[in-house]
Amino acid sequence: MLTSRLILLCLGLSVAVFAHAEARLCEPSEGNIARAMFTTKIDDREPVDRVLILENKTPQLYFFSDLRHLQGQTVKHRWEYEGRVMKEKVFKVQGPRWRVYSLNKLDKSMVGRWTVVITDQDDCPLKAVIFQYVKSNQGEGSAIIDLR
């Protein structure tokens, strides 16, 4: 009896998830994201470094993306902290190669996983990039790769 209920529950959940996935079916985009990264600075429309782990003594961070063949479309940087949307920045892509970036002020108490999801005009994800925001006294230090 318990096994039958579990099977029915699992089937019900599967149908609910499938129905939700059908409602949000995303078509593959014609273009692509050539590069996407967190950086501490933008210089001449290019990131100067790549941030993987950042100590919380740094109050702001940029997210850079190099978009290819998405002209005429709208893309969005969706900043998420621990899975919650904190900020969104929308861009109108006007050429076959379009570089964009967004800036986010960081609250030093909000340590943990930060993600930026790049979405297309239908809010379908094209790429997601993660960095870890850590307390500066934990001894882990920042992991930043210089690109120059």
N, C-alpha and C. Protein backbone atom coordinates (compact mmCIF):
# COMPACT_ATOMS: atom_id res chain seq x y z
N MET A 1 0.82 -1.20 0.00
CA MET A 1 0.00 0.00 0.00
C MET A 1 0.86 1.25 0.00
N LEU A 2 1.88 1.26 0.88
CA LEU A 2 2.78 2.41 0.96
C LEU A 2 3.57 2.55 -0.34
N THR A 3 3.98 1.41 -0.91
CA THR A 3 4.71 1.42 -2.17
C THR A 3 3.86 2.01 -3.29
N SER A 4 2.60 1.67 -3.33
CA SER A 4 1.69 2.20 -4.36
C SER A 4 1.54 3.71 -4.22
N ARG A 5 1.42 4.18 -2.99
CA ARG A 5 1.31 5.63 -2.76
C ARG A 5 2.58 6.37 -3.19
N LEU A 6 3.73 5.76 -2.88
CA LEU A 6 4.99 6.38 -3.29
C LEU A 6 5.11 6.45 -4.81
N ILE A 7 4.69 5.38 -5.48
CA ILE A 7 4.75 5.35 -6.95
C ILE A 7 3.83 6.43 -7.52
N LEU A 8 2.61 6.52 -6.98
CA LEU A 8 1.68 7.54 -7.45
C LEU A 8 2.20 8.95 -7.18
N LEU A 9 2.80 9.15 -6.02
CA LEU A 9 3.38 10.45 -5.69
C LEU A 9 4.50 10.80 -6.67
N CYS A 10 5.38 9.84 -6.93
CA CYS A 10 6.49 10.07 -7.86
C CYS A 10 5.97 10.36 -9.27
N LEU A 11 4.96 9.60 -9.71
CA LEU A 11 4.38 9.85 -11.03
C LEU A 11 3.75 11.23 -11.09
N GLY A 12 3.05 11.62 -10.04
CA GLY A 12 2.44 12.94 -9.98
C GLY A 12 3.47 14.04 -10.04
N LEU A 13 4.56 13.87 -9.30
CA LEU A 13 5.63 14.87 -9.33
C LEU A 13 6.28 14.93 -10.70
N SER A 14 6.49 13.77 -11.32
CA SER A 14 7.09 13.72 -12.66
C SER A 14 6.22 14.45 -13.67
N VAL A 15 4.90 14.22 -13.61
CA VAL A 15 3.99 14.89 -14.53
C VAL A 15 4.01 16.40 -14.29
N ALA A 16 4.02 16.82 -13.03
CA ALA A 16 4.07 18.25 -12.71
C ALA A 16 5.34 18.88 -13.23
N VAL A 17 6.48 18.22 -13.02
CA VAL A 17 7.76 18.74 -13.51
C VAL A 17 7.76 18.78 -15.02
N PHE A 18 7.28 17.72 -15.68
CA PHE A 18 7.24 17.66 -17.13
C PHE A 18 6.34 18.76 -17.69
N ALA A 19 5.18 18.96 -17.07
CA ALA A 19 4.26 20.01 -17.53
C ALA A 19 4.90 21.37 -17.40
N HIS A 20 5.62 21.59 -16.31
CA HIS A 20 6.31 22.88 -16.12
C HIS A 20 7.42 23.04 -17.17
N ALA A 21 8.16 21.95 -17.44
CA ALA A 21 9.22 22.02 -18.44
C ALA A 21 8.65 22.30 -19.82
N GLU A 22 7.50 21.69 -20.12
CA GLU A 22 6.85 21.94 -21.41
C GLU A 22 6.45 23.40 -21.55
N ALA A 23 5.95 23.99 -20.48
CA ALA A 23 5.52 25.38 -20.51
C ALA A 23 6.73 26.31 -20.71
N ARG A 24 7.92 25.90 -20.31
CA ARG A 24 9.11 26.74 -20.40
C ARG A 24 10.12 26.15 -21.38
N LEU A 25 9.66 25.47 -22.40
CA LEU A 25 10.56 24.88 -23.37
C LEU A 25 11.35 25.98 -24.07
N CYS A 26 12.64 25.87 -24.02
CA CYS A 26 13.50 26.89 -24.62
C CYS A 26 14.11 26.35 -25.91
N GLU A 27 14.02 27.16 -26.94
CA GLU A 27 14.61 26.81 -28.22
C GLU A 27 16.09 27.22 -28.22
N PRO A 28 16.95 26.45 -28.87
CA PRO A 28 18.36 26.85 -28.94
C PRO A 28 18.50 28.19 -29.67
N SER A 29 19.38 29.01 -29.16
CA SER A 29 19.61 30.32 -29.75
C SER A 29 20.53 30.20 -30.95
N GLU A 30 20.39 31.13 -31.89
CA GLU A 30 21.25 31.15 -33.08
C GLU A 30 22.67 31.58 -32.71
N GLY A 31 22.79 32.46 -31.73
CA GLY A 31 24.10 32.97 -31.33
C GLY A 31 24.69 32.20 -30.17
N ASN A 32 25.78 32.75 -29.64
CA ASN A 32 26.42 32.10 -28.50
C ASN A 32 27.13 33.13 -27.61
N ILE A 33 27.56 32.67 -26.48
CA ILE A 33 28.33 33.48 -25.53
C ILE A 33 29.78 33.04 -25.67
N ALA A 34 30.61 33.88 -26.27
CA ALA A 34 32.01 33.53 -26.49
C ALA A 34 32.81 33.54 -25.19
N ARG A 35 32.56 34.53 -24.34
CA ARG A 35 33.22 34.63 -23.04
C ARG A 35 32.24 35.20 -22.03
N ALA A 36 32.37 34.76 -20.79
CA ALA A 36 31.54 35.29 -19.72
C ALA A 36 32.31 35.10 -18.42
N MET A 37 32.48 36.19 -17.64
CA MET A 37 33.28 36.09 -16.42
C MET A 37 33.02 37.24 -15.47
N PHE A 38 33.32 36.98 -14.20
CA PHE A 38 33.34 38.03 -13.19
C PHE A 38 34.71 38.68 -13.24
N THR A 39 34.74 39.99 -13.01
CA THR A 39 35.99 40.73 -13.05
C THR A 39 35.92 41.92 -12.09
N THR A 40 37.09 42.35 -11.61
CA THR A 40 37.14 43.48 -10.69
C THR A 40 37.15 44.82 -11.42
N LYS A 41 37.44 44.78 -12.74
CA LYS A 41 37.54 46.04 -13.48
C LYS A 41 37.35 45.77 -14.98
N ILE A 42 36.78 46.76 -15.66
CA ILE A 42 36.67 46.74 -17.12
C ILE A 42 37.57 47.85 -17.65
N ASP A 43 38.43 47.52 -18.60
CA ASP A 43 39.33 48.50 -19.20
C ASP A 43 39.19 48.40 -20.72
N ASP A 44 38.78 49.50 -21.36
CA ASP A 44 38.58 49.54 -22.81
C ASP A 44 37.65 48.40 -23.26
N ARG A 45 36.52 48.26 -22.55
CA ARG A 45 35.48 47.27 -22.83
C ARG A 45 35.94 45.82 -22.70
N GLU A 46 37.01 45.58 -21.95
CA GLU A 46 37.52 44.23 -21.73
C GLU A 46 37.77 44.00 -20.24
N PRO A 47 37.55 42.78 -19.75
CA PRO A 47 37.84 42.48 -18.35
C PRO A 47 39.35 42.43 -18.13
N VAL A 48 39.81 42.89 -16.96
CA VAL A 48 41.24 42.87 -16.67
C VAL A 48 41.66 41.59 -15.95
N ASP A 49 40.68 40.91 -15.32
CA ASP A 49 40.98 39.68 -14.59
C ASP A 49 39.73 38.81 -14.55
N ARG A 50 39.90 37.61 -14.05
CA ARG A 50 38.78 36.67 -13.89
C ARG A 50 38.71 36.30 -12.41
N VAL A 51 37.53 36.52 -11.82
CA VAL A 51 37.33 36.25 -10.40
C VAL A 51 36.61 34.91 -10.24
N LEU A 52 37.19 34.05 -9.40
CA LEU A 52 36.58 32.77 -9.06
C LEU A 52 36.11 32.77 -7.61
N ILE A 53 36.97 33.30 -6.74
CA ILE A 53 36.68 33.46 -5.32
C ILE A 53 37.06 34.88 -4.96
N LEU A 54 36.21 35.55 -4.19
CA LEU A 54 36.46 36.95 -3.85
C LEU A 54 36.21 37.16 -2.36
N GLU A 55 37.19 37.81 -1.70
CA GLU A 55 37.02 38.14 -0.28
C GLU A 55 36.01 39.27 -0.15
N ASN A 56 35.27 39.29 0.95
CA ASN A 56 34.19 40.26 1.12
C ASN A 56 34.67 41.65 1.51
N LYS A 57 35.96 41.91 1.42
CA LYS A 57 36.44 43.28 1.58
C LYS A 57 36.33 44.07 0.27
N THR A 58 36.04 43.39 -0.82
CA THR A 58 35.82 44.03 -2.11
C THR A 58 34.33 44.35 -2.24
N PRO A 59 33.99 45.64 -2.40
CA PRO A 59 32.57 46.05 -2.33
C PRO A 59 31.76 45.95 -3.62
N GLN A 60 32.40 45.67 -4.74
CA GLN A 60 31.65 45.60 -6.00
C GLN A 60 32.35 44.66 -6.97
N LEU A 61 31.59 44.19 -7.96
CA LEU A 61 32.12 43.26 -8.93
C LEU A 61 31.38 43.45 -10.25
N TYR A 62 32.10 43.28 -11.35
CA TYR A 62 31.52 43.36 -12.69
C TYR A 62 31.30 41.95 -13.21
N PHE A 63 30.32 41.85 -14.12
CA PHE A 63 30.16 40.63 -14.90
C PHE A 63 30.22 41.03 -16.36
N PHE A 64 31.11 40.41 -17.09
CA PHE A 64 31.38 40.72 -18.50
C PHE A 64 30.90 39.57 -19.37
N SER A 65 30.32 39.89 -20.52
CA SER A 65 30.01 38.84 -21.49
C SER A 65 30.24 39.34 -22.91
N ASP A 66 30.78 38.44 -23.72
CA ASP A 66 31.09 38.69 -25.13
C ASP A 66 30.08 37.87 -25.93
N LEU A 67 29.12 38.57 -26.54
CA LEU A 67 27.99 37.93 -27.23
C LEU A 67 28.28 37.86 -28.72
N ARG A 68 27.96 36.73 -29.33
CA ARG A 68 28.20 36.55 -30.77
C ARG A 68 26.91 36.16 -31.48
N HIS A 69 26.64 36.86 -32.58
CA HIS A 69 25.52 36.56 -33.49
C HIS A 69 24.15 36.59 -32.79
N LEU A 70 23.99 37.54 -31.87
CA LEU A 70 22.72 37.75 -31.18
C LEU A 70 22.14 39.12 -31.50
N GLN A 71 22.64 39.76 -32.58
CA GLN A 71 22.19 41.10 -32.92
C GLN A 71 20.67 41.14 -33.12
N GLY A 72 20.09 42.25 -32.66
CA GLY A 72 18.66 42.42 -32.75
C GLY A 72 17.90 41.80 -31.59
N GLN A 73 18.59 41.05 -30.75
CA GLN A 73 17.94 40.40 -29.62
C GLN A 73 18.22 41.17 -28.32
N THR A 74 17.52 40.78 -27.29
CA THR A 74 17.73 41.33 -25.96
C THR A 74 18.28 40.21 -25.09
N VAL A 75 19.32 40.51 -24.31
CA VAL A 75 19.85 39.55 -23.35
C VAL A 75 19.84 40.20 -21.97
N LYS A 76 19.92 39.36 -20.96
CA LYS A 76 19.86 39.86 -19.60
C LYS A 76 20.93 39.20 -18.75
N HIS A 77 21.55 40.01 -17.86
CA HIS A 77 22.38 39.46 -16.79
C HIS A 77 21.49 39.39 -15.55
N ARG A 78 21.28 38.20 -15.05
CA ARG A 78 20.46 38.01 -13.84
C ARG A 78 21.39 37.59 -12.70
N TRP A 79 21.64 38.53 -11.77
CA TRP A 79 22.49 38.27 -10.61
C TRP A 79 21.68 37.53 -9.55
N GLU A 80 22.19 36.38 -9.11
CA GLU A 80 21.50 35.59 -8.09
C GLU A 80 22.45 35.33 -6.92
N TYR A 81 21.92 35.44 -5.72
CA TYR A 81 22.66 35.10 -4.51
C TYR A 81 21.96 33.92 -3.85
N GLU A 82 22.69 32.81 -3.74
CA GLU A 82 22.15 31.60 -3.13
C GLU A 82 20.79 31.23 -3.75
N GLY A 83 20.65 31.43 -5.06
CA GLY A 83 19.44 31.04 -5.78
C GLY A 83 18.35 32.10 -5.84
N ARG A 84 18.53 33.23 -5.16
CA ARG A 84 17.53 34.31 -5.18
C ARG A 84 17.99 35.42 -6.13
N VAL A 85 17.08 35.90 -6.97
CA VAL A 85 17.41 36.98 -7.90
C VAL A 85 17.59 38.28 -7.11
N MET A 86 18.76 38.91 -7.30
CA MET A 86 19.07 40.15 -6.59
C MET A 86 19.06 41.37 -7.51
N LYS A 87 19.37 41.16 -8.78
CA LYS A 87 19.47 42.29 -9.71
C LYS A 87 19.39 41.75 -11.13
N GLU A 88 18.85 42.56 -12.04
CA GLU A 88 18.83 42.20 -13.46
C GLU A 88 19.23 43.42 -14.27
N LYS A 89 19.99 43.18 -15.32
CA LYS A 89 20.40 44.24 -16.24
C LYS A 89 20.13 43.74 -17.65
N VAL A 90 19.37 44.52 -18.42
CA VAL A 90 18.95 44.12 -19.77
C VAL A 90 19.77 44.89 -20.80
N PHE A 91 20.15 44.19 -21.87
CA PHE A 91 20.95 44.78 -22.96
C PHE A 91 20.29 44.49 -24.30
N LYS A 92 20.30 45.48 -25.17
CA LYS A 92 19.88 45.31 -26.56
C LYS A 92 21.15 45.08 -27.38
N VAL A 93 21.24 43.93 -28.02
CA VAL A 93 22.45 43.57 -28.78
C VAL A 93 22.33 44.19 -30.17
N GLN A 94 23.33 44.99 -30.55
CA GLN A 94 23.23 45.75 -31.79
C GLN A 94 24.27 45.39 -32.84
N GLY A 95 24.99 44.31 -32.63
CA GLY A 95 25.97 43.91 -33.63
C GLY A 95 26.30 42.44 -33.50
N PRO A 96 27.02 41.87 -34.49
CA PRO A 96 27.34 40.44 -34.47
C PRO A 96 28.30 40.06 -33.34
N ARG A 97 29.11 41.03 -32.90
CA ARG A 97 29.94 40.83 -31.71
C ARG A 97 29.62 42.00 -30.79
N TRP A 98 29.08 41.69 -29.62
CA TRP A 98 28.64 42.75 -28.72
C TRP A 98 29.13 42.41 -27.33
N ARG A 99 29.95 43.31 -26.75
CA ARG A 99 30.47 43.10 -25.40
C ARG A 99 29.68 43.97 -24.43
N VAL A 100 29.22 43.36 -23.35
CA VAL A 100 28.43 44.07 -22.35
C VAL A 100 28.92 43.68 -20.96
N TYR A 101 28.61 44.55 -19.99
CA TYR A 101 28.93 44.21 -18.61
C TYR A 101 27.92 44.87 -17.69
N SER A 102 27.78 44.28 -16.52
CA SER A 102 26.94 44.85 -15.47
C SER A 102 27.77 44.92 -14.19
N LEU A 103 27.40 45.84 -13.33
CA LEU A 103 28.10 46.06 -12.07
C LEU A 103 27.13 45.77 -10.93
N ASN A 104 27.64 45.09 -9.91
CA ASN A 104 26.82 44.83 -8.74
C ASN A 104 27.58 45.24 -7.49
N LYS A 105 26.94 46.05 -6.65
CA LYS A 105 27.48 46.39 -5.34
C LYS A 105 27.23 45.19 -4.43
N LEU A 106 28.24 44.78 -3.69
CA LEU A 106 28.14 43.59 -2.86
C LEU A 106 28.06 43.96 -1.38
N ASP A 107 27.11 43.38 -0.70
CA ASP A 107 26.97 43.54 0.74
C ASP A 107 27.93 42.53 1.38
N LYS A 108 28.86 42.99 2.20
CA LYS A 108 29.89 42.09 2.73
C LYS A 108 29.33 40.99 3.61
N SER A 109 28.09 41.12 4.06
CA SER A 109 27.48 40.06 4.86
C SER A 109 26.91 38.94 3.98
N MET A 110 26.82 39.17 2.68
CA MET A 110 26.21 38.19 1.78
C MET A 110 27.26 37.25 1.18
N VAL A 111 27.95 36.53 2.07
CA VAL A 111 28.96 35.58 1.62
C VAL A 111 28.25 34.32 1.15
N GLY A 112 28.89 33.65 0.22
CA GLY A 112 28.31 32.42 -0.33
C GLY A 112 28.41 32.42 -1.84
N ARG A 113 27.51 31.67 -2.46
CA ARG A 113 27.55 31.46 -3.91
C ARG A 113 26.74 32.54 -4.63
N TRP A 114 27.40 33.21 -5.56
CA TRP A 114 26.77 34.18 -6.45
C TRP A 114 26.82 33.61 -7.86
N THR A 115 25.75 33.81 -8.60
CA THR A 115 25.66 33.32 -9.98
C THR A 115 25.12 34.44 -10.85
N VAL A 116 25.65 34.56 -12.06
CA VAL A 116 24.99 35.38 -13.07
C VAL A 116 24.54 34.43 -14.17
N VAL A 117 23.26 34.50 -14.48
CA VAL A 117 22.68 33.72 -15.57
C VAL A 117 22.43 34.70 -16.71
N ILE A 118 22.98 34.39 -17.87
CA ILE A 118 22.71 35.19 -19.07
C ILE A 118 21.51 34.53 -19.74
N THR A 119 20.45 35.32 -19.95
CA THR A 119 19.24 34.80 -20.58
C THR A 119 18.96 35.54 -21.88
N ASP A 120 18.22 34.89 -22.75
CA ASP A 120 17.82 35.52 -24.00
C ASP A 120 16.50 36.28 -23.81
N GLN A 121 15.95 36.78 -24.91
CA GLN A 121 14.73 37.61 -24.83
C GLN A 121 13.52 36.82 -24.35
N ASP A 122 13.57 35.49 -24.41
CA ASP A 122 12.48 34.65 -23.92
C ASP A 122 12.74 34.19 -22.48
N ASP A 123 13.77 34.75 -21.86
CA ASP A 123 14.20 34.42 -20.49
C ASP A 123 14.73 32.99 -20.39
N CYS A 124 15.19 32.45 -21.50
CA CYS A 124 15.81 31.13 -21.50
C CYS A 124 17.30 31.29 -21.22
N PRO A 125 17.87 30.45 -20.37
CA PRO A 125 19.29 30.59 -20.03
C PRO A 125 20.20 30.24 -21.19
N LEU A 126 21.22 31.09 -21.38
CA LEU A 126 22.25 30.83 -22.39
C LEU A 126 23.54 30.36 -21.74
N LYS A 127 23.83 30.88 -20.53
CA LYS A 127 25.05 30.52 -19.82
C LYS A 127 24.91 30.97 -18.37
N ALA A 128 25.56 30.26 -17.47
CA ALA A 128 25.61 30.64 -16.05
C ALA A 128 27.04 30.55 -15.57
N VAL A 129 27.45 31.54 -14.76
CA VAL A 129 28.81 31.57 -14.20
C VAL A 129 28.68 31.84 -12.70
N ILE A 130 29.52 31.16 -11.92
CA ILE A 130 29.44 31.23 -10.46
C ILE A 130 30.75 31.75 -9.88
N PHE A 131 30.65 32.54 -8.79
CA PHE A 131 31.81 32.85 -7.97
C PHE A 131 31.42 32.72 -6.52
N GLN A 132 32.43 32.53 -5.69
CA GLN A 132 32.22 32.37 -4.25
C GLN A 132 32.69 33.63 -3.54
N TYR A 133 31.82 34.23 -2.74
CA TYR A 133 32.13 35.42 -1.94
C TYR A 133 32.40 34.93 -0.53
N VAL A 134 33.63 35.15 -0.03
CA VAL A 134 34.06 34.58 1.25
C VAL A 134 34.48 35.66 2.23
N LYS A 135 34.40 35.35 3.52
CA LYS A 135 34.86 36.28 4.55
C LYS A 135 36.36 36.46 4.42
N SER A 136 36.83 37.70 4.54
CA SER A 136 38.25 37.98 4.32
C SER A 136 39.14 37.41 5.42
N ASN A 137 38.60 37.09 6.57
CA ASN A 137 39.43 36.55 7.65
C ASN A 137 39.44 35.02 7.69
N GLN A 138 38.88 34.36 6.68
CA GLN A 138 38.85 32.90 6.67
C GLN A 138 40.15 32.30 6.17
N GLY A 139 41.04 33.11 5.65
CA GLY A 139 42.32 32.61 5.19
C GLY A 139 42.30 31.98 3.82
N GLU A 140 41.14 31.91 3.19
CA GLU A 140 41.06 31.32 1.84
C GLU A 140 41.64 32.26 0.79
N GLY A 141 41.43 33.55 0.98
CA GLY A 141 41.91 34.53 0.02
C GLY A 141 41.09 34.53 -1.25
N SER A 142 41.34 35.51 -2.07
CA SER A 142 40.66 35.61 -3.36
C SER A 142 41.39 34.77 -4.40
N ALA A 143 40.66 34.27 -5.37
CA ALA A 143 41.23 33.57 -6.51
C ALA A 143 40.91 34.41 -7.74
N ILE A 144 41.90 35.20 -8.16
CA ILE A 144 41.72 36.12 -9.28
C ILE A 144 42.85 35.87 -10.28
N ILE A 145 42.48 35.66 -11.53
CA ILE A 145 43.44 35.41 -12.59
C ILE A 145 43.61 36.67 -13.41
N ASP A 146 44.84 37.18 -13.49
CA ASP A 146 45.12 38.39 -14.27
C ASP A 146 45.10 38.03 -15.76
N LEU A 147 44.36 38.79 -16.56
CA LEU A 147 44.23 38.52 -17.99
C LEU A 147 45.13 39.39 -18.85
N ARG A 148 45.85 40.31 -18.22
CA ARG A 148 46.69 41.21 -19.03
C ARG A 148 48.02 40.63 -19.31
